[in-house]
């Protein structure tokens, strides 16, 4: 039995919207990493569809955050403003 080396992972370009969305939730303390992934996905979906507000996206994620929802929204909004995205 042979084992192949794992595929290499190429990091996303920092200017791509996916990278911006997931980076915006990187500092949010959560119970499990998957909670942060869901939160990042919901922020990305909000940025691409422009249908919902940031508040709705955070609630829709259902992430188990270790900080309050309003504080998390403030941190995400601050990060997005820092890269030139207003929500």
PDB file of N, CA and C in Angstrom:
ATOM      1  N   UNK A   1       0.844  -1.168   0.000  1.00  0.00           N
ATOM      2  CA  UNK A   1       0.000   0.000   0.000  1.00  0.00           C
ATOM      3  C   UNK A   1       0.896   1.240   0.000  1.00  0.00           C
ATOM      4  N   UNK A   2       0.601   2.173  -0.886  1.00  0.00           N
ATOM      5  CA  UNK A   2       1.375   3.410  -0.961  1.00  0.00           C
ATOM      6  C   UNK A   2       0.526   4.575  -0.487  1.00  0.00           C
ATOM      7  N   UNK A   3       1.220   5.564  -0.011  1.00  0.00           N
ATOM      8  CA  UNK A   3       0.535   6.759   0.447  1.00  0.00           C
ATOM      9  C   UNK A   3       1.093   7.948  -0.304  1.00  0.00           C
ATOM     10  N   UNK A   4       0.213   8.706  -0.889  1.00  0.00           N
ATOM     11  CA  UNK A   4       0.629   9.917  -1.595  1.00  0.00           C
ATOM     12  C   UNK A   4       0.738  11.069  -0.607  1.00  0.00           C
ATOM     13  N   UNK A   5       1.559  12.002  -0.961  1.00  0.00           N
ATOM     14  CA  UNK A   5       1.674  13.214  -0.146  1.00  0.00           C
ATOM     15  C   UNK A   5       0.377  14.018  -0.281  1.00  0.00           C
ATOM     16  N   UNK A   6      -0.009  14.726   0.751  1.00  0.00           N
ATOM     17  CA  UNK A   6      -1.242  15.517   0.654  1.00  0.00           C
ATOM     18  C   UNK A   6      -1.092  16.647  -0.362  1.00  0.00           C
ATOM     19  N   UNK A   7      -2.203  17.061  -0.883  1.00  0.00           N
ATOM     20  CA  UNK A   7      -2.205  18.168  -1.828  1.00  0.00           C
ATOM     21  C   UNK A   7      -1.734  19.438  -1.138  1.00  0.00           C
ATOM     22  N   UNK A   8      -1.079  20.288  -1.899  1.00  0.00           N
ATOM     23  CA  UNK A   8      -0.643  21.558  -1.325  1.00  0.00           C
ATOM     24  C   UNK A   8      -1.824  22.521  -1.290  1.00  0.00           C
ATOM     25  N   UNK A   9      -1.827  23.343  -0.288  1.00  0.00           N
ATOM     26  CA  UNK A   9      -2.882  24.328  -0.141  1.00  0.00           C
ATOM     27  C   UNK A   9      -2.291  25.692  -0.447  1.00  0.00           C
ATOM     28  N   UNK A  10      -2.912  26.384  -1.373  1.00  0.00           N
ATOM     29  CA  UNK A  10      -2.452  27.712  -1.749  1.00  0.00           C
ATOM     30  C   UNK A  10      -3.338  28.738  -1.060  1.00  0.00           C
ATOM     31  N   UNK A  11      -2.750  29.630  -0.270  1.00  0.00           N
ATOM     32  CA  UNK A  11      -3.583  30.631   0.407  1.00  0.00           C
ATOM     33  C   UNK A  11      -4.267  31.552  -0.594  1.00  0.00           C
ATOM     34  N   UNK A  12      -5.458  31.967  -0.246  1.00  0.00           N
ATOM     35  CA  UNK A  12      -6.222  32.865  -1.117  1.00  0.00           C
ATOM     36  C   UNK A  12      -5.561  34.239  -1.161  1.00  0.00           C
ATOM     37  N   UNK A  13      -5.749  34.901  -2.255  1.00  0.00           N
ATOM     38  CA  UNK A  13      -5.244  36.259  -2.407  1.00  0.00           C
ATOM     39  C   UNK A  13      -5.919  37.149  -1.360  1.00  0.00           C
ATOM     40  N   UNK A  14      -5.146  37.968  -0.684  1.00  0.00           N
ATOM     41  CA  UNK A  14      -5.671  38.782   0.421  1.00  0.00           C
ATOM     42  C   UNK A  14      -6.729  39.775  -0.024  1.00  0.00           C
ATOM     43  N   UNK A  15      -6.791  40.098  -1.298  1.00  0.00           N
ATOM     44  CA  UNK A  15      -7.777  41.063  -1.764  1.00  0.00           C
ATOM     45  C   UNK A  15      -9.115  40.407  -2.124  1.00  0.00           C
ATOM     46  N   UNK A  16      -9.154  39.090  -2.164  1.00  0.00           N
ATOM     47  CA  UNK A  16     -10.401  38.404  -2.512  1.00  0.00           C
ATOM     48  C   UNK A  16     -11.411  38.550  -1.388  1.00  0.00           C
ATOM     49  N   UNK A  17     -12.663  38.626  -1.741  1.00  0.00           N
ATOM     50  CA  UNK A  17     -13.734  38.841  -0.774  1.00  0.00           C
ATOM     51  C   UNK A  17     -13.829  37.711   0.251  1.00  0.00           C
ATOM     52  N   UNK A  18     -13.535  36.480  -0.170  1.00  0.00           N
ATOM     53  CA  UNK A  18     -13.573  35.358   0.765  1.00  0.00           C
ATOM     54  C   UNK A  18     -12.553  35.562   1.872  1.00  0.00           C
ATOM     55  N   UNK A  19     -11.354  35.966   1.492  1.00  0.00           N
ATOM     56  CA  UNK A  19     -10.288  36.179   2.473  1.00  0.00           C
ATOM     57  C   UNK A  19     -10.659  37.313   3.422  1.00  0.00           C
ATOM     58  N   UNK A  20     -11.218  38.375   2.897  1.00  0.00           N
ATOM     59  CA  UNK A  20     -11.623  39.518   3.718  1.00  0.00           C
ATOM     60  C   UNK A  20     -12.698  39.103   4.719  1.00  0.00           C
ATOM     61  N   UNK A  21     -13.687  38.330   4.274  1.00  0.00           N
ATOM     62  CA  UNK A  21     -14.785  37.915   5.157  1.00  0.00           C
ATOM     63  C   UNK A  21     -14.275  37.035   6.289  1.00  0.00           C
ATOM     64  N   UNK A  22     -13.463  36.046   5.954  1.00  0.00           N
ATOM     65  CA  UNK A  22     -12.973  35.135   6.987  1.00  0.00           C
ATOM     66  C   UNK A  22     -11.965  35.826   7.905  1.00  0.00           C
ATOM     67  N   UNK A  23     -11.193  36.754   7.384  1.00  0.00           N
ATOM     68  CA  UNK A  23     -10.248  37.500   8.218  1.00  0.00           C
ATOM     69  C   UNK A  23     -10.994  38.420   9.177  1.00  0.00           C
ATOM     70  N   UNK A  24     -12.160  38.906   8.779  1.00  0.00           N
ATOM     71  CA  UNK A  24     -12.914  39.818   9.633  1.00  0.00           C
ATOM     72  C   UNK A  24     -13.427  39.140  10.903  1.00  0.00           C
ATOM     73  N   UNK A  25     -13.562  37.833  10.878  1.00  0.00           N
ATOM     74  CA  UNK A  25     -14.035  37.108  12.057  1.00  0.00           C
ATOM     75  C   UNK A  25     -12.901  36.377  12.766  1.00  0.00           C
ATOM     76  N   UNK A  26     -11.692  36.559  12.305  1.00  0.00           N
ATOM     77  CA  UNK A  26     -10.547  35.847  12.864  1.00  0.00           C
ATOM     78  C   UNK A  26     -10.271  36.147  14.321  1.00  0.00           C
ATOM     79  N   UNK A  27     -10.641  37.320  14.794  1.00  0.00           N
ATOM     80  CA  UNK A  27     -10.359  37.687  16.182  1.00  0.00           C
ATOM     81  C   UNK A  27     -11.535  37.424  17.126  1.00  0.00           C
ATOM     82  N   UNK A  28     -12.609  36.861  16.612  1.00  0.00           N
ATOM     83  CA  UNK A  28     -13.782  36.587  17.436  1.00  0.00           C
ATOM     84  C   UNK A  28     -13.548  35.277  18.204  1.00  0.00           C
ATOM     85  N   UNK A  29     -13.558  35.318  19.535  1.00  0.00           N
ATOM     86  CA  UNK A  29     -13.381  34.079  20.288  1.00  0.00           C
ATOM     87  C   UNK A  29     -14.658  33.237  20.248  1.00  0.00           C
ATOM     88  N   UNK A  30     -14.503  31.975  19.866  1.00  0.00           N
ATOM     89  CA  UNK A  30     -15.646  31.069  19.728  1.00  0.00           C
ATOM     90  C   UNK A  30     -15.359  29.764  20.465  1.00  0.00           C
ATOM     91  N   UNK A  31     -16.391  28.960  20.655  1.00  0.00           N
ATOM     92  CA  UNK A  31     -16.262  27.689  21.355  1.00  0.00           C
ATOM     93  C   UNK A  31     -15.456  26.699  20.522  1.00  0.00           C
ATOM     94  N   UNK A  32     -15.781  26.567  19.239  1.00  0.00           N
ATOM     95  CA  UNK A  32     -15.087  25.642  18.337  1.00  0.00           C
ATOM     96  C   UNK A  32     -14.737  26.363  17.051  1.00  0.00           C
ATOM     97  N   UNK A  33     -13.666  25.937  16.371  1.00  0.00           N
ATOM     98  CA  UNK A  33     -13.274  26.590  15.117  1.00  0.00           C
ATOM     99  C   UNK A  33     -14.384  26.599  14.058  1.00  0.00           C
ATOM    100  N   UNK A  34     -15.233  25.582  14.060  1.00  0.00           N
ATOM    101  CA  UNK A  34     -16.316  25.530  13.073  1.00  0.00           C
ATOM    102  C   UNK A  34     -17.313  26.668  13.268  1.00  0.00           C
ATOM    103  N   UNK A  35     -17.449  27.140  14.503  1.00  0.00           N
ATOM    104  CA  UNK A  35     -18.314  28.292  14.750  1.00  0.00           C
ATOM    105  C   UNK A  35     -17.780  29.512  14.015  1.00  0.00           C
ATOM    106  N   UNK A  36     -16.469  29.693  14.017  1.00  0.00           N
ATOM    107  CA  UNK A  36     -15.848  30.820  13.309  1.00  0.00           C
ATOM    108  C   UNK A  36     -15.998  30.641  11.795  1.00  0.00           C
ATOM    109  N   UNK A  37     -15.896  29.395  11.327  1.00  0.00           N
ATOM    110  CA  UNK A  37     -16.083  29.135   9.896  1.00  0.00           C
ATOM    111  C   UNK A  37     -17.495  29.500   9.446  1.00  0.00           C
ATOM    112  N   UNK A  38     -18.493  29.110  10.247  1.00  0.00           N
ATOM    113  CA  UNK A  38     -19.884  29.456   9.905  1.00  0.00           C
ATOM    114  C   UNK A  38     -20.089  30.959   9.919  1.00  0.00           C
ATOM    115  N   UNK A  39     -19.499  31.611  10.891  1.00  0.00           N
ATOM    116  CA  UNK A  39     -19.612  33.064  10.986  1.00  0.00           C
ATOM    117  C   UNK A  39     -18.965  33.721   9.775  1.00  0.00           C
ATOM    118  N   UNK A  40     -17.775  33.265   9.390  1.00  0.00           N
ATOM    119  CA  UNK A  40     -17.097  33.797   8.208  1.00  0.00           C
ATOM    120  C   UNK A  40     -17.904  33.579   6.939  1.00  0.00           C
ATOM    121  N   UNK A  41     -18.512  32.398   6.819  1.00  0.00           N
ATOM    122  CA  UNK A  41     -19.334  32.118   5.645  1.00  0.00           C
ATOM    123  C   UNK A  41     -20.528  33.059   5.571  1.00  0.00           C
ATOM    124  N   UNK A  42     -21.181  33.275   6.709  1.00  0.00           N
ATOM    125  CA  UNK A  42     -22.356  34.158   6.714  1.00  0.00           C
ATOM    126  C   UNK A  42     -21.971  35.602   6.401  1.00  0.00           C
ATOM    127  N   UNK A  43     -20.803  36.042   6.869  1.00  0.00           N
ATOM    128  CA  UNK A  43     -20.331  37.384   6.521  1.00  0.00           C
ATOM    129  C   UNK A  43     -20.021  37.443   5.022  1.00  0.00           C
ATOM    130  N   UNK A  44     -19.382  36.418   4.489  1.00  0.00           N
ATOM    131  CA  UNK A  44     -19.087  36.378   3.047  1.00  0.00           C
ATOM    132  C   UNK A  44     -20.378  36.410   2.233  1.00  0.00           C
ATOM    133  N   UNK A  45     -21.375  35.618   2.662  1.00  0.00           N
ATOM    134  CA  UNK A  45     -22.653  35.586   1.942  1.00  0.00           C
ATOM    135  C   UNK A  45     -23.331  36.950   1.984  1.00  0.00           C
ATOM    136  N   UNK A  46     -23.243  37.628   3.136  1.00  0.00           N
ATOM    137  CA  UNK A  46     -23.830  38.958   3.270  1.00  0.00           C
ATOM    138  C   UNK A  46     -23.134  39.941   2.326  1.00  0.00           C
ATOM    139  N   UNK A  47     -21.803  39.831   2.221  1.00  0.00           N
ATOM    140  CA  UNK A  47     -21.058  40.751   1.361  1.00  0.00           C
ATOM    141  C   UNK A  47     -21.328  40.500  -0.118  1.00  0.00           C
ATOM    142  N   UNK A  48     -21.526  39.251  -0.498  1.00  0.00           N
ATOM    143  CA  UNK A  48     -21.730  38.951  -1.916  1.00  0.00           C
ATOM    144  C   UNK A  48     -23.159  39.171  -2.371  1.00  0.00           C
ATOM    145  N   UNK A  49     -24.138  38.854  -1.523  1.00  0.00           N
ATOM    146  CA  UNK A  49     -25.528  38.999  -1.956  1.00  0.00           C
ATOM    147  C   UNK A  49     -26.088  40.381  -1.663  1.00  0.00           C
ATOM    148  N   UNK A  50     -25.548  41.056  -0.634  1.00  0.00           N
ATOM    149  CA  UNK A  50     -25.998  42.387  -0.230  1.00  0.00           C
ATOM    150  C   UNK A  50     -27.489  42.419   0.103  1.00  0.00           C
ATOM    151  N   UNK A  51     -28.033  41.264   0.554  1.00  0.00           N
ATOM    152  CA  UNK A  51     -29.450  41.195   0.902  1.00  0.00           C
ATOM    153  C   UNK A  51     -29.694  41.487   2.374  1.00  0.00           C
ATOM    154  N   UNK A  52     -28.801  41.013   3.222  1.00  0.00           N
ATOM    155  CA  UNK A  52     -29.006  41.130   4.659  1.00  0.00           C
ATOM    156  C   UNK A  52     -28.016  42.114   5.264  1.00  0.00           C
ATOM    157  N   UNK A  53     -28.293  42.499   6.491  1.00  0.00           N
ATOM    158  CA  UNK A  53     -27.372  43.360   7.226  1.00  0.00           C
ATOM    159  C   UNK A  53     -26.353  42.487   7.947  1.00  0.00           C
ATOM    160  N   UNK A  54     -25.341  43.119   8.486  1.00  0.00           N
ATOM    161  CA  UNK A  54     -24.325  42.400   9.246  1.00  0.00           C
ATOM    162  C   UNK A  54     -24.940  41.759  10.486  1.00  0.00           C
ATOM    163  N   UNK A  55     -25.866  42.438  11.106  1.00  0.00           N
ATOM    164  CA  UNK A  55     -26.525  41.904  12.289  1.00  0.00           C
ATOM    165  C   UNK A  55     -27.268  40.605  11.968  1.00  0.00           C
ATOM    166  N   UNK A  56     -27.957  40.583  10.843  1.00  0.00           N
ATOM    167  CA  UNK A  56     -28.695  39.389  10.430  1.00  0.00           C
ATOM    168  C   UNK A  56     -27.717  38.258  10.112  1.00  0.00           C
ATOM    169  N   UNK A  57     -26.608  38.578   9.473  1.00  0.00           N
ATOM    170  CA  UNK A  57     -25.611  37.558   9.131  1.00  0.00           C
ATOM    171  C   UNK A  57     -25.022  36.916  10.381  1.00  0.00           C
ATOM    172  N   UNK A  58     -24.724  37.721  11.390  1.00  0.00           N
ATOM    173  CA  UNK A  58     -24.148  37.185  12.627  1.00  0.00           C
ATOM    174  C   UNK A  58     -25.161  36.291  13.336  1.00  0.00           C
ATOM    175  N   UNK A  59     -26.404  36.713  13.380  1.00  0.00           N
ATOM    176  CA  UNK A  59     -27.433  35.884  14.020  1.00  0.00           C
ATOM    177  C   UNK A  59     -27.673  34.597  13.238  1.00  0.00           C
ATOM    178  N   UNK A  60     -27.648  34.689  11.911  1.00  0.00           N
ATOM    179  CA  UNK A  60     -27.894  33.514  11.071  1.00  0.00           C
ATOM    180  C   UNK A  60     -26.805  32.468  11.223  1.00  0.00           C
ATOM    181  N   UNK A  61     -25.595  32.892  11.542  1.00  0.00           N
ATOM    182  CA  UNK A  61     -24.486  31.949  11.690  1.00  0.00           C
ATOM    183  C   UNK A  61     -24.712  31.015  12.868  1.00  0.00           C
ATOM    184  N   UNK A  62     -25.350  31.493  13.906  1.00  0.00           N
ATOM    185  CA  UNK A  62     -25.571  30.661  15.080  1.00  0.00           C
ATOM    186  C   UNK A  62     -24.271  30.262  15.761  1.00  0.00           C
ATOM    187  N   UNK A  63     -23.244  31.079  15.604  1.00  0.00           N
ATOM    188  CA  UNK A  63     -21.936  30.770  16.180  1.00  0.00           C
ATOM    189  C   UNK A  63     -21.982  30.945  17.695  1.00  0.00           C
ATOM    190  N   UNK A  64     -21.353  30.029  18.393  1.00  0.00           N
ATOM    191  CA  UNK A  64     -21.276  30.112  19.852  1.00  0.00           C
ATOM    192  C   UNK A  64     -20.061  30.963  20.204  1.00  0.00           C
ATOM    193  N   UNK A  65     -20.297  32.253  20.325  1.00  0.00           N
ATOM    194  CA  UNK A  65     -19.222  33.206  20.579  1.00  0.00           C
ATOM    195  C   UNK A  65     -19.018  33.382  22.070  1.00  0.00           C
ATOM    196  N   UNK A  66     -17.789  33.670  22.443  1.00  0.00           N
ATOM    197  CA  UNK A  66     -17.459  33.879  23.848  1.00  0.00           C
ATOM    198  C   UNK A  66     -17.529  35.348  24.233  1.00  0.00           C
ATOM    199  N   UNK A  67     -17.975  36.180  23.304  1.00  0.00           N
ATOM    200  CA  UNK A  67     -18.214  37.594  23.567  1.00  0.00           C
ATOM    201  C   UNK A  67     -19.645  37.894  23.136  1.00  0.00           C
ATOM    202  N   UNK A  68     -20.128  39.051  23.497  1.00  0.00           N
ATOM    203  CA  UNK A  68     -21.488  39.436  23.131  1.00  0.00           C
ATOM    204  C   UNK A  68     -21.640  39.675  21.637  1.00  0.00           C
ATOM    205  N   UNK A  69     -22.867  39.523  21.184  1.00  0.00           N
ATOM    206  CA  UNK A  69     -23.160  39.694  19.756  1.00  0.00           C
ATOM    207  C   UNK A  69     -22.821  41.107  19.283  1.00  0.00           C
ATOM    208  N   UNK A  70     -23.180  42.112  20.058  1.00  0.00           N
ATOM    209  CA  UNK A  70     -22.910  43.501  19.664  1.00  0.00           C
ATOM    210  C   UNK A  70     -21.400  43.768  19.578  1.00  0.00           C
ATOM    211  N   UNK A  71     -20.642  43.213  20.509  1.00  0.00           N
ATOM    212  CA  UNK A  71     -19.191  43.388  20.475  1.00  0.00           C
ATOM    213  C   UNK A  71     -18.594  42.709  19.245  1.00  0.00           C
ATOM    214  N   UNK A  72     -19.092  41.536  18.909  1.00  0.00           N
ATOM    215  CA  UNK A  72     -18.613  40.824  17.725  1.00  0.00           C
ATOM    216  C   UNK A  72     -18.941  41.606  16.454  1.00  0.00           C
ATOM    217  N   UNK A  73     -20.149  42.138  16.380  1.00  0.00           N
ATOM    218  CA  UNK A  73     -20.547  42.935  15.216  1.00  0.00           C
ATOM    219  C   UNK A  73     -19.646  44.151  15.089  1.00  0.00           C
ATOM    220  N   UNK A  74     -19.341  44.789  16.209  1.00  0.00           N
ATOM    221  CA  UNK A  74     -18.447  45.945  16.193  1.00  0.00           C
ATOM    222  C   UNK A  74     -17.062  45.594  15.687  1.00  0.00           C
ATOM    223  N   UNK A  75     -16.514  44.450  16.127  1.00  0.00           N
ATOM    224  CA  UNK A  75     -15.185  44.028  15.677  1.00  0.00           C
ATOM    225  C   UNK A  75     -15.177  43.718  14.183  1.00  0.00           C
ATOM    226  N   UNK A  76     -16.206  43.031  13.717  1.00  0.00           N
ATOM    227  CA  UNK A  76     -16.291  42.686  12.295  1.00  0.00           C
ATOM    228  C   UNK A  76     -16.422  43.951  11.464  1.00  0.00           C
ATOM    229  N   UNK A  77     -17.307  44.850  11.886  1.00  0.00           N
ATOM    230  CA  UNK A  77     -17.520  46.102  11.154  1.00  0.00           C
ATOM    231  C   UNK A  77     -16.231  46.928  11.107  1.00  0.00           C
ATOM    232  N   UNK A  78     -15.511  46.971  12.213  1.00  0.00           N
ATOM    233  CA  UNK A  78     -14.252  47.717  12.273  1.00  0.00           C
ATOM    234  C   UNK A  78     -13.224  47.136  11.298  1.00  0.00           C
ATOM    235  N   UNK A  79     -13.131  45.814  11.248  1.00  0.00           N
ATOM    236  CA  UNK A  79     -12.188  45.183  10.320  1.00  0.00           C
ATOM    237  C   UNK A  79     -12.571  45.464   8.868  1.00  0.00           C
ATOM    238  N   UNK A  80     -13.856  45.365   8.570  1.00  0.00           N
ATOM    239  CA  UNK A  80     -14.308  45.605   7.198  1.00  0.00           C
ATOM    240  C   UNK A  80     -14.054  47.053   6.785  1.00  0.00           C
ATOM    241  N   UNK A  81     -14.280  47.996   7.707  1.00  0.00           N
ATOM    242  CA  UNK A  81     -13.977  49.406   7.400  1.00  0.00           C
ATOM    243  C   UNK A  81     -12.491  49.590   7.128  1.00  0.00           C
ATOM    244  N   UNK A  82     -11.663  48.851   7.857  1.00  0.00           N
ATOM    245  CA  UNK A  82     -10.222  48.955   7.683  1.00  0.00           C
ATOM    246  C   UNK A  82      -9.749  48.547   6.296  1.00  0.00           C
ATOM    247  N   UNK A  83     -10.518  47.696   5.625  1.00  0.00           N
ATOM    248  CA  UNK A  83     -10.160  47.291   4.262  1.00  0.00           C
ATOM    249  C   UNK A  83     -10.995  48.002   3.210  1.00  0.00           C
ATOM    250  N   UNK A  84     -11.794  48.967   3.656  1.00  0.00           N
ATOM    251  CA  UNK A  84     -12.549  49.792   2.708  1.00  0.00           C
ATOM    252  C   UNK A  84     -13.948  49.328   2.386  1.00  0.00           C
ATOM    253  N   UNK A  85     -14.513  48.451   3.197  1.00  0.00           N
ATOM    254  CA  UNK A  85     -15.873  47.980   2.962  1.00  0.00           C
ATOM    255  C   UNK A  85     -16.765  48.538   4.045  1.00  0.00           C
ATOM    256  N   UNK A  86     -17.806  49.244   3.652  1.00  0.00           N
ATOM    257  CA  UNK A  86     -18.751  49.793   4.633  1.00  0.00           C
ATOM    258  C   UNK A  86     -20.013  48.945   4.634  1.00  0.00           C
ATOM    259  N   UNK A  87     -20.428  48.571   5.818  1.00  0.00           N
ATOM    260  CA  UNK A  87     -21.672  47.783   5.965  1.00  0.00           C
ATOM    261  C   UNK A  87     -22.529  48.417   7.019  1.00  0.00           C
TER     262      UNK A  87
END
